């Protein structure tokens, strides 16, 4: 699902044990740098070395952890300077230096944590449909390209479902756009609750949705299409929405070069289903040659 798409290198999921581990390693690194400071004497300014653990922790774990490592860095440097107090003109010089240094460290930690937050927000906006909170077309295609590469490597089939809500415009015209928005949210929620974790559903725009089923062969994908159509029709009847579903379903045993090819074929089948009526699934299987299964009519 969409959460899998967002698990990228700069936004990993951290377990408490791993968080404690990297915090411990980073803390030890600050102590080692402080010891190196003591060994090399007061002439060498090595405080820039502290930026590595500070930036790393602030980015991976967050601001609070960054503040902790910033303070431990300043403390480590201060201990080294106190051990060499005789080299300073006045006893308070190390304290003044570390006060200024810790301000810089904290500022850097804040900037890094804030930068990551901004990137995550922008990623959310770029990959999520704002109304239904499922993936948008951009996220769908990126995720799908990754799955197609896996399917080619391991020889697995891939299925794609493209469905459209028949007569949706009448809901907006008669009941208002708020009711139409409610319907779209209901559709997204229903689909999400009835697919696997490895599947992804996206709103392509308006009342059109796409669903990728990695590893799903023809009979399994067909069963999913029928199940979703029945679930959605049940929801429509419960809410007294006079809306049907037209679905195009393609199972690729011969994986295409691009996801857009899959989307175009499924879209074409969806329109073919729409021409036959409503609550219809038209299914194709793409091997070396295209075969067409009998269409399903609810």
C-alpha atoms as a PDB file:
ATOM      1  CA  UNK A   1       0.000   0.000   0.000  1.00  0.00           C
ATOM      2  CA  UNK A   2       0.992   3.666   0.045  1.00  0.00           C
ATOM      3  CA  UNK A   3       2.933   3.343   3.298  1.00  0.00           C
ATOM      4  CA  UNK A   4       5.326   0.951   1.541  1.00  0.00           C
ATOM      5  CA  UNK A   5       5.992   3.523  -1.148  1.00  0.00           C
ATOM      6  CA  UNK A   6       6.949   6.085   1.490  1.00  0.00           C
ATOM      7  CA  UNK A   7       9.443   3.843   3.271  1.00  0.00           C
ATOM      8  CA  UNK A   8      12.440   5.473   1.608  1.00  0.00           C
ATOM      9  CA  UNK A   9      16.005   5.878   2.800  1.00  0.00           C
ATOM     10  CA  UNK A  10      15.555   9.234   4.485  1.00  0.00           C
ATOM     11  CA  UNK A  11      12.373   8.177   6.285  1.00  0.00           C
ATOM     12  CA  UNK A  12      13.033   4.714   7.736  1.00  0.00           C
ATOM     13  CA  UNK A  13      10.925   3.004  10.350  1.00  0.00           C
ATOM     14  CA  UNK A  14      12.918   2.738  13.567  1.00  0.00           C
ATOM     15  CA  UNK A  15      12.364   0.177  16.282  1.00  0.00           C
ATOM     16  CA  UNK A  16      13.026   1.269  19.903  1.00  0.00           C
ATOM     17  CA  UNK A  17      15.980  -1.132  20.099  1.00  0.00           C
ATOM     18  CA  UNK A  18      17.585   0.221  16.927  1.00  0.00           C
ATOM     19  CA  UNK A  19      16.960   3.812  18.045  1.00  0.00           C
ATOM     20  CA  UNK A  20      18.708   3.112  21.354  1.00  0.00           C
ATOM     21  CA  UNK A  21      21.565   1.416  19.495  1.00  0.00           C
ATOM     22  CA  UNK A  22      22.298   4.331  17.145  1.00  0.00           C
ATOM     23  CA  UNK A  23      21.905   6.827  19.995  1.00  0.00           C
ATOM     24  CA  UNK A  24      24.464   4.893  22.011  1.00  0.00           C
ATOM     25  CA  UNK A  25      26.869   4.704  19.076  1.00  0.00           C
ATOM     26  CA  UNK A  26      26.468   8.439  18.410  1.00  0.00           C
ATOM     27  CA  UNK A  27      27.021   9.289  22.083  1.00  0.00           C
ATOM     28  CA  UNK A  28      30.168   7.161  22.141  1.00  0.00           C
ATOM     29  CA  UNK A  29      31.343   8.950  18.981  1.00  0.00           C
ATOM     30  CA  UNK A  30      31.029  12.328  20.722  1.00  0.00           C
ATOM     31  CA  UNK A  31      33.064  11.046  23.653  1.00  0.00           C
ATOM     32  CA  UNK A  32      35.769   9.719  21.311  1.00  0.00           C
ATOM     33  CA  UNK A  33      35.958  13.053  19.473  1.00  0.00           C
ATOM     34  CA  UNK A  34      36.329  14.810  22.831  1.00  0.00           C
ATOM     35  CA  UNK A  35      39.153  12.464  23.752  1.00  0.00           C
ATOM     36  CA  UNK A  36      40.850  13.135  20.418  1.00  0.00           C
ATOM     37  CA  UNK A  37      40.545  16.841  21.252  1.00  0.00           C
ATOM     38  CA  UNK A  38      42.358  16.202  24.527  1.00  0.00           C
ATOM     39  CA  UNK A  39      45.110  14.176  22.827  1.00  0.00           C
ATOM     40  CA  UNK A  40      45.761  16.725  20.064  1.00  0.00           C
ATOM     41  CA  UNK A  41      45.763  19.712  22.394  1.00  0.00           C
ATOM     42  CA  UNK A  42      44.070  23.103  22.214  1.00  0.00           C
ATOM     43  CA  UNK A  43      45.609  24.230  18.938  1.00  0.00           C
ATOM     44  CA  UNK A  44      43.470  22.014  16.674  1.00  0.00           C
ATOM     45  CA  UNK A  45      39.803  22.944  16.245  1.00  0.00           C
ATOM     46  CA  UNK A  46      38.112  19.604  15.589  1.00  0.00           C
ATOM     47  CA  UNK A  47      34.598  20.605  16.607  1.00  0.00           C
ATOM     48  CA  UNK A  48      33.370  20.137  13.014  1.00  0.00           C
ATOM     49  CA  UNK A  49      33.699  16.383  13.594  1.00  0.00           C
ATOM     50  CA  UNK A  50      30.722  16.592  15.964  1.00  0.00           C
ATOM     51  CA  UNK A  51      28.512  17.549  13.030  1.00  0.00           C
ATOM     52  CA  UNK A  52      28.528  13.973  11.730  1.00  0.00           C
ATOM     53  CA  UNK A  53      26.710  12.371  14.718  1.00  0.00           C
ATOM     54  CA  UNK A  54      24.558  15.493  15.236  1.00  0.00           C
ATOM     55  CA  UNK A  55      23.326  15.619  11.626  1.00  0.00           C
ATOM     56  CA  UNK A  56      22.863  11.842  11.426  1.00  0.00           C
ATOM     57  CA  UNK A  57      20.809  11.559  14.616  1.00  0.00           C
ATOM     58  CA  UNK A  58      18.747  14.692  13.936  1.00  0.00           C
ATOM     59  CA  UNK A  59      17.846  13.341  10.480  1.00  0.00           C
ATOM     60  CA  UNK A  60      17.203   9.709  11.339  1.00  0.00           C
ATOM     61  CA  UNK A  61      15.716   9.909  14.851  1.00  0.00           C
ATOM     62  CA  UNK A  62      14.481  13.477  15.298  1.00  0.00           C
ATOM     63  CA  UNK A  63      14.965  16.783  17.053  1.00  0.00           C
ATOM     64  CA  UNK A  64      14.943  15.547  20.656  1.00  0.00           C
ATOM     65  CA  UNK A  65      17.659  12.996  19.930  1.00  0.00           C
ATOM     66  CA  UNK A  66      19.578  15.677  18.023  1.00  0.00           C
ATOM     67  CA  UNK A  67      19.418  17.978  21.047  1.00  0.00           C
ATOM     68  CA  UNK A  68      20.766  15.171  23.251  1.00  0.00           C
ATOM     69  CA  UNK A  69      23.729  14.509  20.953  1.00  0.00           C
ATOM     70  CA  UNK A  70      24.365  18.262  20.593  1.00  0.00           C
ATOM     71  CA  UNK A  71      24.565  18.652  24.367  1.00  0.00           C
ATOM     72  CA  UNK A  72      26.734  15.554  24.755  1.00  0.00           C
ATOM     73  CA  UNK A  73      29.072  16.919  22.047  1.00  0.00           C
ATOM     74  CA  UNK A  74      29.469  20.227  23.840  1.00  0.00           C
ATOM     75  CA  UNK A  75      29.973  18.436  27.167  1.00  0.00           C
ATOM     76  CA  UNK A  76      32.636  16.165  25.670  1.00  0.00           C
ATOM     77  CA  UNK A  77      34.538  19.153  24.281  1.00  0.00           C
ATOM     78  CA  UNK A  78      34.183  21.033  27.572  1.00  0.00           C
ATOM     79  CA  UNK A  79      35.601  18.124  29.582  1.00  0.00           C
ATOM     80  CA  UNK A  80      38.608  18.000  27.251  1.00  0.00           C
ATOM     81  CA  UNK A  81      39.149  21.766  27.602  1.00  0.00           C
ATOM     82  CA  UNK A  82      38.848  21.657  31.396  1.00  0.00           C
ATOM     83  CA  UNK A  83      41.516  18.947  31.404  1.00  0.00           C
ATOM     84  CA  UNK A  84      43.712  21.440  29.535  1.00  0.00           C
ATOM     85  CA  UNK A  85      42.623  24.535  31.525  1.00  0.00           C
ATOM     86  CA  UNK A  86      46.212  25.668  32.028  1.00  0.00           C
ATOM     87  CA  UNK A  87      46.491  26.432  28.303  1.00  0.00           C
ATOM     88  CA  UNK A  88      43.763  29.097  28.438  1.00  0.00           C
ATOM     89  CA  UNK A  89      44.276  32.708  29.488  1.00  0.00           C
ATOM     90  CA  UNK A  90      41.310  32.630  31.874  1.00  0.00           C
ATOM     91  CA  UNK A  91      39.419  29.806  33.606  1.00  0.00           C
ATOM     92  CA  UNK A  92      36.072  30.835  32.104  1.00  0.00           C
ATOM     93  CA  UNK A  93      37.195  30.730  28.431  1.00  0.00           C
ATOM     94  CA  UNK A  94      36.255  27.035  27.886  1.00  0.00           C
ATOM     95  CA  UNK A  95      32.779  27.686  29.323  1.00  0.00           C
ATOM     96  CA  UNK A  96      32.181  30.660  27.046  1.00  0.00           C
ATOM     97  CA  UNK A  97      33.431  28.709  24.034  1.00  0.00           C
ATOM     98  CA  UNK A  98      31.171  25.743  24.773  1.00  0.00           C
ATOM     99  CA  UNK A  99      28.144  27.959  25.345  1.00  0.00           C
ATOM    100  CA  UNK A 100      28.579  29.407  21.851  1.00  0.00           C
ATOM    101  CA  UNK A 101      29.364  25.989  20.406  1.00  0.00           C
ATOM    102  CA  UNK A 102      26.270  24.350  21.875  1.00  0.00           C
ATOM    103  CA  UNK A 103      24.095  27.137  20.440  1.00  0.00           C
ATOM    104  CA  UNK A 104      25.510  26.361  16.981  1.00  0.00           C
ATOM    105  CA  UNK A 105      25.027  22.609  17.475  1.00  0.00           C
ATOM    106  CA  UNK A 106      21.411  23.050  18.586  1.00  0.00           C
ATOM    107  CA  UNK A 107      20.697  25.347  15.651  1.00  0.00           C
ATOM    108  CA  UNK A 108      22.099  22.802  13.198  1.00  0.00           C
ATOM    109  CA  UNK A 109      20.077  20.016  14.842  1.00  0.00           C
ATOM    110  CA  UNK A 110      16.907  22.094  14.531  1.00  0.00           C
ATOM    111  CA  UNK A 111      17.594  22.878  10.853  1.00  0.00           C
ATOM    112  CA  UNK A 112      18.186  19.225   9.951  1.00  0.00           C
ATOM    113  CA  UNK A 113      15.085  17.976  11.788  1.00  0.00           C
ATOM    114  CA  UNK A 114      12.978  20.744  10.227  1.00  0.00           C
ATOM    115  CA  UNK A 115      14.334  19.998   6.754  1.00  0.00           C
ATOM    116  CA  UNK A 116      13.320  16.359   7.065  1.00  0.00           C
ATOM    117  CA  UNK A 117       9.855  17.365   8.280  1.00  0.00           C
ATOM    118  CA  UNK A 118       9.389  19.673   5.279  1.00  0.00           C
ATOM    119  CA  UNK A 119      10.510  16.944   2.868  1.00  0.00           C
ATOM    120  CA  UNK A 120       8.089  14.443   4.421  1.00  0.00           C
ATOM    121  CA  UNK A 121       5.225  16.939   4.160  1.00  0.00           C
ATOM    122  CA  UNK A 122       6.048  17.673   0.523  1.00  0.00           C
ATOM    123  CA  UNK A 123       6.279  13.945  -0.203  1.00  0.00           C
ATOM    124  CA  UNK A 124       2.874  13.445   1.387  1.00  0.00           C
ATOM    125  CA  UNK A 125       1.394  16.204  -0.761  1.00  0.00           C
ATOM    126  CA  UNK A 126       3.056  14.876  -3.907  1.00  0.00           C
ATOM    127  CA  UNK A 127       1.987  11.238  -3.478  1.00  0.00           C
ATOM    128  CA  UNK A 128      -1.396  11.355  -1.714  1.00  0.00           C
ATOM    129  CA  UNK A 129      -4.833  12.220  -3.007  1.00  0.00           C
ATOM    130  CA  UNK A 130      -5.965  15.046  -0.689  1.00  0.00           C
ATOM    131  CA  UNK A 131      -9.606  13.933  -0.526  1.00  0.00           C
ATOM    132  CA  UNK A 132      -9.455  10.150  -0.104  1.00  0.00           C
ATOM    133  CA  UNK A 133      -5.952   9.968   1.493  1.00  0.00           C
ATOM    134  CA  UNK A 134      -4.962   7.095  -0.797  1.00  0.00           C
ATOM    135  CA  UNK A 135      -2.182   7.202  -3.392  1.00  0.00           C
ATOM    136  CA  UNK A 136      -2.446   9.513  -6.373  1.00  0.00           C
ATOM    137  CA  UNK A 137      -1.450   8.576  -9.925  1.00  0.00           C
ATOM    138  CA  UNK A 138       2.160   9.698  -9.444  1.00  0.00           C
ATOM    139  CA  UNK A 139       2.672   7.433  -6.406  1.00  0.00           C
ATOM    140  CA  UNK A 140       0.843   4.589  -8.161  1.00  0.00           C
ATOM    141  CA  UNK A 141       3.116   4.696 -11.220  1.00  0.00           C
ATOM    142  CA  UNK A 142       6.304   4.900  -9.143  1.00  0.00           C
ATOM    143  CA  UNK A 143       5.229   1.981  -6.971  1.00  0.00           C
ATOM    144  CA  UNK A 144       4.061   0.002  -9.999  1.00  0.00           C
ATOM    145  CA  UNK A 145       7.357   0.443 -11.880  1.00  0.00           C
ATOM    146  CA  UNK A 146       9.130  -1.050  -8.863  1.00  0.00           C
ATOM    147  CA  UNK A 147       6.725  -4.009  -8.826  1.00  0.00           C
ATOM    148  CA  UNK A 148       7.091  -4.567 -12.577  1.00  0.00           C
ATOM    149  CA  UNK A 149      10.863  -4.830 -12.181  1.00  0.00           C
ATOM    150  CA  UNK A 150      10.365  -7.459  -9.474  1.00  0.00           C
ATOM    151  CA  UNK A 151       7.850  -9.340 -11.608  1.00  0.00           C
ATOM    152  CA  UNK A 152      10.301  -9.472 -14.551  1.00  0.00           C
ATOM    153  CA  UNK A 153      13.084 -10.683 -12.283  1.00  0.00           C
ATOM    154  CA  UNK A 154      11.112 -13.494 -10.630  1.00  0.00           C
ATOM    155  CA  UNK A 155       8.669 -14.327 -13.436  1.00  0.00           C
ATOM    156  CA  UNK A 156       5.544 -13.400 -11.470  1.00  0.00           C
ATOM    157  CA  UNK A 157       2.303 -12.158 -13.040  1.00  0.00           C
ATOM    158  CA  UNK A 158       0.911  -8.694 -12.327  1.00  0.00           C
ATOM    159  CA  UNK A 159      -2.731  -7.604 -12.540  1.00  0.00           C
ATOM    160  CA  UNK A 160      -4.202  -4.134 -12.755  1.00  0.00           C
ATOM    161  CA  UNK A 161      -7.784  -3.056 -12.140  1.00  0.00           C
ATOM    162  CA  UNK A 162      -9.139   0.234 -13.452  1.00  0.00           C
ATOM    163  CA  UNK A 163     -12.684   1.138 -12.400  1.00  0.00           C
ATOM    164  CA  UNK A 164     -14.993   4.082 -12.832  1.00  0.00           C
ATOM    165  CA  UNK A 165     -18.159   5.079 -10.970  1.00  0.00           C
ATOM    166  CA  UNK A 166     -21.145   5.137 -13.336  1.00  0.00           C
ATOM    167  CA  UNK A 167     -23.652   7.954 -12.844  1.00  0.00           C
ATOM    168  CA  UNK A 168     -21.430   9.654 -10.259  1.00  0.00           C
ATOM    169  CA  UNK A 169     -22.074  13.110 -11.686  1.00  0.00           C
ATOM    170  CA  UNK A 170     -25.749  12.843 -10.721  1.00  0.00           C
ATOM    171  CA  UNK A 171     -24.760  12.540  -7.045  1.00  0.00           C
ATOM    172  CA  UNK A 172     -22.969  15.894  -7.212  1.00  0.00           C
ATOM    173  CA  UNK A 173     -25.784  17.472  -9.208  1.00  0.00           C
ATOM    174  CA  UNK A 174     -28.629  16.253  -7.001  1.00  0.00           C
ATOM    175  CA  UNK A 175     -27.084  15.974  -3.524  1.00  0.00           C
ATOM    176  CA  UNK A 176     -24.129  18.374  -3.758  1.00  0.00           C
ATOM    177  CA  UNK A 177     -20.383  17.928  -3.862  1.00  0.00           C
ATOM    178  CA  UNK A 178     -20.148  17.109  -0.152  1.00  0.00           C
ATOM    179  CA  UNK A 179     -22.190  13.955  -0.780  1.00  0.00           C
ATOM    180  CA  UNK A 180     -20.011  13.150  -3.776  1.00  0.00           C
ATOM    181  CA  UNK A 181     -16.894  13.559  -1.626  1.00  0.00           C
ATOM    182  CA  UNK A 182     -18.395  11.250   0.968  1.00  0.00           C
ATOM    183  CA  UNK A 183     -19.011   8.631  -1.713  1.00  0.00           C
ATOM    184  CA  UNK A 184     -15.427   8.828  -3.005  1.00  0.00           C
ATOM    185  CA  UNK A 185     -14.029   8.484   0.520  1.00  0.00           C
ATOM    186  CA  UNK A 186     -16.282   5.476   1.075  1.00  0.00           C
ATOM    187  CA  UNK A 187     -15.036   3.839  -2.117  1.00  0.00           C
ATOM    188  CA  UNK A 188     -11.386   4.387  -1.171  1.00  0.00           C
ATOM    189  CA  UNK A 189     -11.931   3.050   2.357  1.00  0.00           C
ATOM    190  CA  UNK A 190     -13.820  -0.017   1.137  1.00  0.00           C
ATOM    191  CA  UNK A 191     -11.137  -0.937  -1.389  1.00  0.00           C
ATOM    192  CA  UNK A 192      -8.343  -0.461   1.147  1.00  0.00           C
ATOM    193  CA  UNK A 193     -10.099  -2.754   3.611  1.00  0.00           C
ATOM    194  CA  UNK A 194     -10.467  -5.545   1.042  1.00  0.00           C
ATOM    195  CA  UNK A 195      -7.010  -5.786  -0.533  1.00  0.00           C
ATOM    196  CA  UNK A 196      -3.673  -7.179   0.561  1.00  0.00           C
ATOM    197  CA  UNK A 197      -0.901  -5.179   2.197  1.00  0.00           C
ATOM    198  CA  UNK A 198       1.245  -5.585  -0.924  1.00  0.00           C
ATOM    199  CA  UNK A 199      -1.462  -4.114  -3.199  1.00  0.00           C
ATOM    200  CA  UNK A 200      -1.878  -0.416  -3.877  1.00  0.00           C
ATOM    201  CA  UNK A 201      -4.998   1.538  -4.743  1.00  0.00           C
ATOM    202  CA  UNK A 202      -4.932   5.038  -6.174  1.00  0.00           C
ATOM    203  CA  UNK A 203      -7.373   7.694  -7.252  1.00  0.00           C
ATOM    204  CA  UNK A 204      -6.461   8.692 -10.781  1.00  0.00           C
ATOM    205  CA  UNK A 205      -8.757  11.689 -10.785  1.00  0.00           C
ATOM    206  CA  UNK A 206     -12.464  12.412 -10.571  1.00  0.00           C
ATOM    207  CA  UNK A 207     -14.280   9.110 -10.039  1.00  0.00           C
ATOM    208  CA  UNK A 208     -11.622   6.840 -11.559  1.00  0.00           C
ATOM    209  CA  UNK A 209      -9.502   4.483  -9.462  1.00  0.00           C
ATOM    210  CA  UNK A 210      -6.605   2.122 -10.168  1.00  0.00           C
ATOM    211  CA  UNK A 211      -5.546  -0.966  -8.273  1.00  0.00           C
ATOM    212  CA  UNK A 212      -2.298  -2.891  -8.719  1.00  0.00           C
ATOM    213  CA  UNK A 213      -2.150  -6.542  -7.634  1.00  0.00           C
ATOM    214  CA  UNK A 214       1.479  -7.748  -7.655  1.00  0.00           C
ATOM    215  CA  UNK A 215       1.832 -11.502  -8.128  1.00  0.00           C
ATOM    216  CA  UNK A 216      -1.907 -12.004  -8.757  1.00  0.00           C
ATOM    217  CA  UNK A 217      -2.649 -14.472 -11.556  1.00  0.00           C
ATOM    218  CA  UNK A 218      -5.848 -14.241 -13.605  1.00  0.00           C
ATOM    219  CA  UNK A 219      -8.288 -16.184 -11.407  1.00  0.00           C
ATOM    220  CA  UNK A 220      -7.130 -14.477  -8.198  1.00  0.00           C
ATOM    221  CA  UNK A 221      -7.309 -11.013  -9.778  1.00  0.00           C
ATOM    222  CA  UNK A 222     -10.743 -11.773 -11.207  1.00  0.00           C
ATOM    223  CA  UNK A 223     -11.941 -12.879  -7.769  1.00  0.00           C
ATOM    224  CA  UNK A 224     -10.667  -9.608  -6.284  1.00  0.00           C
ATOM    225  CA  UNK A 225     -12.479  -7.591  -8.971  1.00  0.00           C
ATOM    226  CA  UNK A 226     -15.752  -9.395  -8.349  1.00  0.00           C
ATOM    227  CA  UNK A 227     -15.392  -9.103  -4.566  1.00  0.00           C
ATOM    228  CA  UNK A 228     -14.737  -5.362  -4.757  1.00  0.00           C
ATOM    229  CA  UNK A 229     -17.651  -4.779  -7.125  1.00  0.00           C
ATOM    230  CA  UNK A 230     -20.022  -6.594  -4.778  1.00  0.00           C
ATOM    231  CA  UNK A 231     -18.709  -4.739  -1.726  1.00  0.00           C
ATOM    232  CA  UNK A 232     -18.988  -1.384  -3.447  1.00  0.00           C
ATOM    233  CA  UNK A 233     -22.487  -2.086  -4.722  1.00  0.00           C
ATOM    234  CA  UNK A 234     -23.510  -3.035  -1.206  1.00  0.00           C
ATOM    235  CA  UNK A 235     -22.192   0.319   0.029  1.00  0.00           C
ATOM    236  CA  UNK A 236     -24.070   2.160  -2.740  1.00  0.00           C
ATOM    237  CA  UNK A 237     -27.346   0.481  -1.814  1.00  0.00           C
ATOM    238  CA  UNK A 238     -26.876   1.133   1.898  1.00  0.00           C
ATOM    239  CA  UNK A 239     -26.358   4.847   1.258  1.00  0.00           C
ATOM    240  CA  UNK A 240     -29.025   5.008  -1.485  1.00  0.00           C
ATOM    241  CA  UNK A 241     -26.519   6.145  -4.063  1.00  0.00           C
ATOM    242  CA  UNK A 242     -27.652   5.303  -7.600  1.00  0.00           C
ATOM    243  CA  UNK A 243     -24.114   4.565  -8.770  1.00  0.00           C
ATOM    244  CA  UNK A 244     -22.656   1.531 -10.533  1.00  0.00           C
ATOM    245  CA  UNK A 245     -19.142   0.316 -11.259  1.00  0.00           C
ATOM    246  CA  UNK A 246     -17.464  -0.276 -14.631  1.00  0.00           C
ATOM    247  CA  UNK A 247     -14.212  -2.232 -14.366  1.00  0.00           C
ATOM    248  CA  UNK A 248     -11.365  -3.079 -16.690  1.00  0.00           C
ATOM    249  CA  UNK A 249      -9.044  -5.837 -15.492  1.00  0.00           C
ATOM    250  CA  UNK A 250      -5.814  -6.962 -17.119  1.00  0.00           C
ATOM    251  CA  UNK A 251      -3.559  -9.791 -15.980  1.00  0.00           C
ATOM    252  CA  UNK A 252      -0.057  -9.646 -17.425  1.00  0.00           C
ATOM    253  CA  UNK A 253       1.839 -12.905 -17.587  1.00  0.00           C
ATOM    254  CA  UNK A 254       4.178 -11.232 -20.070  1.00  0.00           C
ATOM    255  CA  UNK A 255       5.249  -8.086 -18.228  1.00  0.00           C
ATOM    256  CA  UNK A 256       5.082  -4.881 -20.333  1.00  0.00           C
ATOM    257  CA  UNK A 257       7.877  -2.345 -20.587  1.00  0.00           C
ATOM    258  CA  UNK A 258       6.000   0.484 -18.892  1.00  0.00           C
ATOM    259  CA  UNK A 259       3.182   0.858 -16.375  1.00  0.00           C
ATOM    260  CA  UNK A 260       1.459   3.386 -18.656  1.00  0.00           C
ATOM    261  CA  UNK A 261       0.868   0.581 -21.149  1.00  0.00           C
ATOM    262  CA  UNK A 262      -0.964  -1.376 -18.433  1.00  0.00           C
ATOM    263  CA  UNK A 263      -3.017   1.638 -17.412  1.00  0.00           C
ATOM    264  CA  UNK A 264      -4.033   2.399 -21.002  1.00  0.00           C
ATOM    265  CA  UNK A 265      -5.168  -1.177 -21.637  1.00  0.00           C
ATOM    266  CA  UNK A 266      -7.108  -1.389 -18.363  1.00  0.00           C
ATOM    267  CA  UNK A 267      -8.655   2.020 -19.083  1.00  0.00           C
ATOM    268  CA  UNK A 268      -9.739   0.834 -22.530  1.00  0.00           C
ATOM    269  CA  UNK A 269     -11.326  -2.278 -21.023  1.00  0.00           C
ATOM    270  CA  UNK A 270     -13.102  -0.132 -18.456  1.00  0.00           C
ATOM    271  CA  UNK A 271     -14.725   1.904 -21.245  1.00  0.00           C
ATOM    272  CA  UNK A 272     -15.625  -1.329 -22.998  1.00  0.00           C
ATOM    273  CA  UNK A 273     -17.406  -2.439 -19.821  1.00  0.00           C
ATOM    274  CA  UNK A 274     -19.178   0.922 -19.563  1.00  0.00           C
ATOM    275  CA  UNK A 275     -20.560   0.554 -23.102  1.00  0.00           C
ATOM    276  CA  UNK A 276     -22.146  -2.783 -22.138  1.00  0.00           C
ATOM    277  CA  UNK A 277     -24.025  -1.324 -19.175  1.00  0.00           C
ATOM    278  CA  UNK A 278     -23.025  -0.992 -15.533  1.00  0.00           C
ATOM    279  CA  UNK A 279     -21.561  -3.234 -12.824  1.00  0.00           C
ATOM    280  CA  UNK A 280     -19.552  -5.090 -15.452  1.00  0.00           C
ATOM    281  CA  UNK A 281     -15.972  -6.376 -15.410  1.00  0.00           C
ATOM    282  CA  UNK A 282     -14.103  -6.963 -18.668  1.00  0.00           C
ATOM    283  CA  UNK A 283     -10.989  -9.066 -18.173  1.00  0.00           C
ATOM    284  CA  UNK A 284      -8.007  -9.720 -20.446  1.00  0.00           C
ATOM    285  CA  UNK A 285      -4.980 -11.949 -19.971  1.00  0.00           C
ATOM    286  CA  UNK A 286      -1.786 -10.855 -21.720  1.00  0.00           C
ATOM    287  CA  UNK A 287       0.617 -13.688 -22.524  1.00  0.00           C
ATOM    288  CA  UNK A 288       2.434 -13.819 -25.833  1.00  0.00           C
ATOM    289  CA  UNK A 289      -1.010 -13.234 -27.292  1.00  0.00           C
ATOM    290  CA  UNK A 290      -3.977 -11.425 -25.750  1.00  0.00           C
ATOM    291  CA  UNK A 291      -6.862 -13.594 -24.610  1.00  0.00           C
ATOM    292  CA  UNK A 292     -10.176 -12.323 -23.337  1.00  0.00           C
ATOM    293  CA  UNK A 293     -12.277 -13.959 -20.638  1.00  0.00           C
ATOM    294  CA  UNK A 294     -16.075 -13.711 -20.647  1.00  0.00           C
ATOM    295  CA  UNK A 295     -17.077 -10.487 -18.920  1.00  0.00           C
ATOM    296  CA  UNK A 296     -18.714 -10.508 -15.500  1.00  0.00           C
ATOM    297  CA  UNK A 297     -22.036  -8.772 -14.910  1.00  0.00           C
ATOM    298  CA  UNK A 298     -23.252  -8.313 -11.350  1.00  0.00           C
END
